[in-house]
Amino acid sequence: MFEATDDISRTELASRQTNSITVRLLWSRSTNLVTVAVDDAANDDYFELILDEHERALDVFHHPFAHAAARGIEFRTRRPEPEVLRDAA
């Protein structure tokens, strides 16, 4: 579970995936900062939350969208396009 990421100074502490959304808990060796990265492949959306010392990392990891909304971070949601029904006449 402790995997090095593309950035050699960050270590992945945890990750989870649900449908097209991947959430990763990362720790930077060089800055000692913890971040939660959210990648929504279906909507081509990505954001990172940098945690303060008083924030509980696992709480942010398990509820990143709630924490993003509380910080005023906007993210897109794709709504399905309505189906067009044709008359059979």
C-alpha atoms as a PDB file:
ATOM      1  CA  MET A   1       0.000   0.000   0.000  1.00  0.00           C
ATOM      2  CA  PHE A   2       2.927   2.361   0.582  1.00  0.00           C
ATOM      3  CA  GLU A   3       3.827   3.018  -3.027  1.00  0.00           C
ATOM      4  CA  ALA A   4       5.983   5.735  -4.491  1.00  0.00           C
ATOM      5  CA  THR A   5       4.081   7.991  -6.874  1.00  0.00           C
ATOM      6  CA  ASP A   6       5.284   9.702 -10.042  1.00  0.00           C
ATOM      7  CA  ASP A   7       6.618  12.502  -7.867  1.00  0.00           C
ATOM      8  CA  ILE A   8       9.570  10.848  -6.119  1.00  0.00           C
ATOM      9  CA  SER A   9       9.099  13.023  -3.049  1.00  0.00           C
ATOM     10  CA  ARG A  10       5.537  11.749  -2.404  1.00  0.00           C
ATOM     11  CA  THR A  11       4.475   8.430  -0.959  1.00  0.00           C
ATOM     12  CA  GLU A  12       1.027   6.932  -1.395  1.00  0.00           C
ATOM     13  CA  LEU A  13      -0.294   5.966   2.031  1.00  0.00           C
ATOM     14  CA  ALA A  14      -3.702   4.714   0.897  1.00  0.00           C
ATOM     15  CA  SER A  15      -5.889   4.584  -2.189  1.00  0.00           C
ATOM     16  CA  ARG A  16      -9.383   3.532  -3.114  1.00  0.00           C
ATOM     17  CA  GLN A  17     -11.437   3.426  -6.283  1.00  0.00           C
ATOM     18  CA  THR A  18     -15.185   3.532  -6.818  1.00  0.00           C
ATOM     19  CA  ASN A  19     -16.469   3.455 -10.385  1.00  0.00           C
ATOM     20  CA  SER A  20     -14.350   6.060 -12.206  1.00  0.00           C
ATOM     21  CA  ILE A  21     -13.224   7.962  -9.079  1.00  0.00           C
ATOM     22  CA  THR A  22      -9.810   7.309  -7.561  1.00  0.00           C
ATOM     23  CA  VAL A  23      -8.921   8.825  -4.189  1.00  0.00           C
ATOM     24  CA  ARG A  24      -5.312   8.778  -2.952  1.00  0.00           C
ATOM     25  CA  LEU A  25      -3.794   9.796   0.375  1.00  0.00           C
ATOM     26  CA  LEU A  26      -0.286  11.133  -0.242  1.00  0.00           C
ATOM     27  CA  TRP A  27       2.571  12.265   1.991  1.00  0.00           C
ATOM     28  CA  SER A  28       5.431  14.469   0.763  1.00  0.00           C
ATOM     29  CA  ARG A  29       8.814  13.610   2.247  1.00  0.00           C
ATOM     30  CA  SER A  30      10.331  16.938   1.271  1.00  0.00           C
ATOM     31  CA  THR A  31       7.574  19.186   2.665  1.00  0.00           C
ATOM     32  CA  ASN A  32       5.988  16.814   5.237  1.00  0.00           C
ATOM     33  CA  LEU A  33       2.578  17.748   3.785  1.00  0.00           C
ATOM     34  CA  VAL A  34      -0.309  15.313   3.491  1.00  0.00           C
ATOM     35  CA  THR A  35      -2.672  15.660   0.538  1.00  0.00           C
ATOM     36  CA  VAL A  36      -5.739  13.871  -0.739  1.00  0.00           C
ATOM     37  CA  ALA A  37      -5.885  13.621  -4.540  1.00  0.00           C
ATOM     38  CA  VAL A  38      -9.181  12.916  -6.308  1.00  0.00           C
ATOM     39  CA  ASP A  39      -9.277  11.861  -9.965  1.00  0.00           C
ATOM     40  CA  ASP A  40     -12.621  11.410 -11.719  1.00  0.00           C
ATOM     41  CA  ALA A  41     -11.773   9.769 -15.043  1.00  0.00           C
ATOM     42  CA  ALA A  42     -15.372   9.854 -16.311  1.00  0.00           C
ATOM     43  CA  ASN A  43     -15.585  13.633 -16.002  1.00  0.00           C
ATOM     44  CA  ASP A  44     -11.894  14.338 -16.639  1.00  0.00           C
ATOM     45  CA  ASP A  45     -11.779  16.177 -13.303  1.00  0.00           C
ATOM     46  CA  TYR A  46      -8.953  16.289 -10.750  1.00  0.00           C
ATOM     47  CA  PHE A  47      -8.304  18.155  -7.518  1.00  0.00           C
ATOM     48  CA  GLU A  48      -6.023  17.917  -4.494  1.00  0.00           C
ATOM     49  CA  LEU A  49      -6.687  18.921  -0.914  1.00  0.00           C
ATOM     50  CA  ILE A  50      -3.677  19.937   1.188  1.00  0.00           C
ATOM     51  CA  LEU A  51      -4.374  19.018   4.795  1.00  0.00           C
ATOM     52  CA  ASP A  52      -3.740  21.303   7.732  1.00  0.00           C
ATOM     53  CA  GLU A  53      -2.107  19.916  10.864  1.00  0.00           C
ATOM     54  CA  HIS A  54      -5.457  19.783  12.696  1.00  0.00           C
ATOM     55  CA  GLU A  55      -7.343  17.917   9.926  1.00  0.00           C
ATOM     56  CA  ARG A  56      -7.891  14.203  10.248  1.00  0.00           C
ATOM     57  CA  ALA A  57      -6.325  12.626   7.178  1.00  0.00           C
ATOM     58  CA  LEU A  58      -8.585   9.585   7.017  1.00  0.00           C
ATOM     59  CA  ASP A  59     -11.702  11.733   7.383  1.00  0.00           C
ATOM     60  CA  VAL A  60     -10.649  13.809   4.354  1.00  0.00           C
ATOM     61  CA  PHE A  61      -9.643  10.626   2.496  1.00  0.00           C
ATOM     62  CA  HIS A  62     -13.078   9.053   3.053  1.00  0.00           C
ATOM     63  CA  HIS A  63     -15.084  12.249   2.390  1.00  0.00           C
ATOM     64  CA  PRO A  64     -13.062  14.349  -0.089  1.00  0.00           C
ATOM     65  CA  PHE A  65     -16.060  15.886  -1.880  1.00  0.00           C
ATOM     66  CA  ALA A  66     -17.540  17.170   1.390  1.00  0.00           C
ATOM     67  CA  HIS A  67     -14.194  18.700   2.366  1.00  0.00           C
ATOM     68  CA  ALA A  68     -13.759  20.205  -1.105  1.00  0.00           C
ATOM     69  CA  ALA A  69     -17.215  21.784  -0.930  1.00  0.00           C
ATOM     70  CA  ALA A  70     -16.473  23.181   2.541  1.00  0.00           C
ATOM     71  CA  ARG A  71     -13.350  24.828   1.097  1.00  0.00           C
ATOM     72  CA  GLY A  72     -15.250  26.260  -1.855  1.00  0.00           C
ATOM     73  CA  ILE A  73     -13.516  24.051  -4.415  1.00  0.00           C
ATOM     74  CA  GLU A  74     -15.730  23.521  -7.428  1.00  0.00           C
ATOM     75  CA  PHE A  75     -15.748  20.294  -9.350  1.00  0.00           C
ATOM     76  CA  ARG A  76     -17.804  19.218 -12.309  1.00  0.00           C
ATOM     77  CA  THR A  77     -20.455  16.565 -12.372  1.00  0.00           C
ATOM     78  CA  ARG A  78     -21.583  15.107 -15.645  1.00  0.00           C
ATOM     79  CA  ARG A  79     -25.281  14.674 -15.993  1.00  0.00           C
ATOM     80  CA  PRO A  80     -26.578  12.106 -18.443  1.00  0.00           C
ATOM     81  CA  GLU A  81     -27.973  13.607 -21.594  1.00  0.00           C
ATOM     82  CA  PRO A  82     -31.745  13.211 -21.893  1.00  0.00           C
ATOM     83  CA  GLU A  83     -32.949  10.570 -24.270  1.00  0.00           C
ATOM     84  CA  VAL A  84     -34.927  11.777 -27.237  1.00  0.00           C
ATOM     85  CA  LEU A  85     -37.982   9.650 -27.995  1.00  0.00           C
ATOM     86  CA  ARG A  86     -39.216   9.597 -31.551  1.00  0.00           C
ATOM     87  CA  ASP A  87     -42.867   9.297 -32.464  1.00  0.00           C
ATOM     88  CA  ALA A  88     -43.774   5.924 -33.870  1.00  0.00           C
ATOM     89  CA  ALA A  89     -46.118   7.542 -36.394  1.00  0.00           C
END
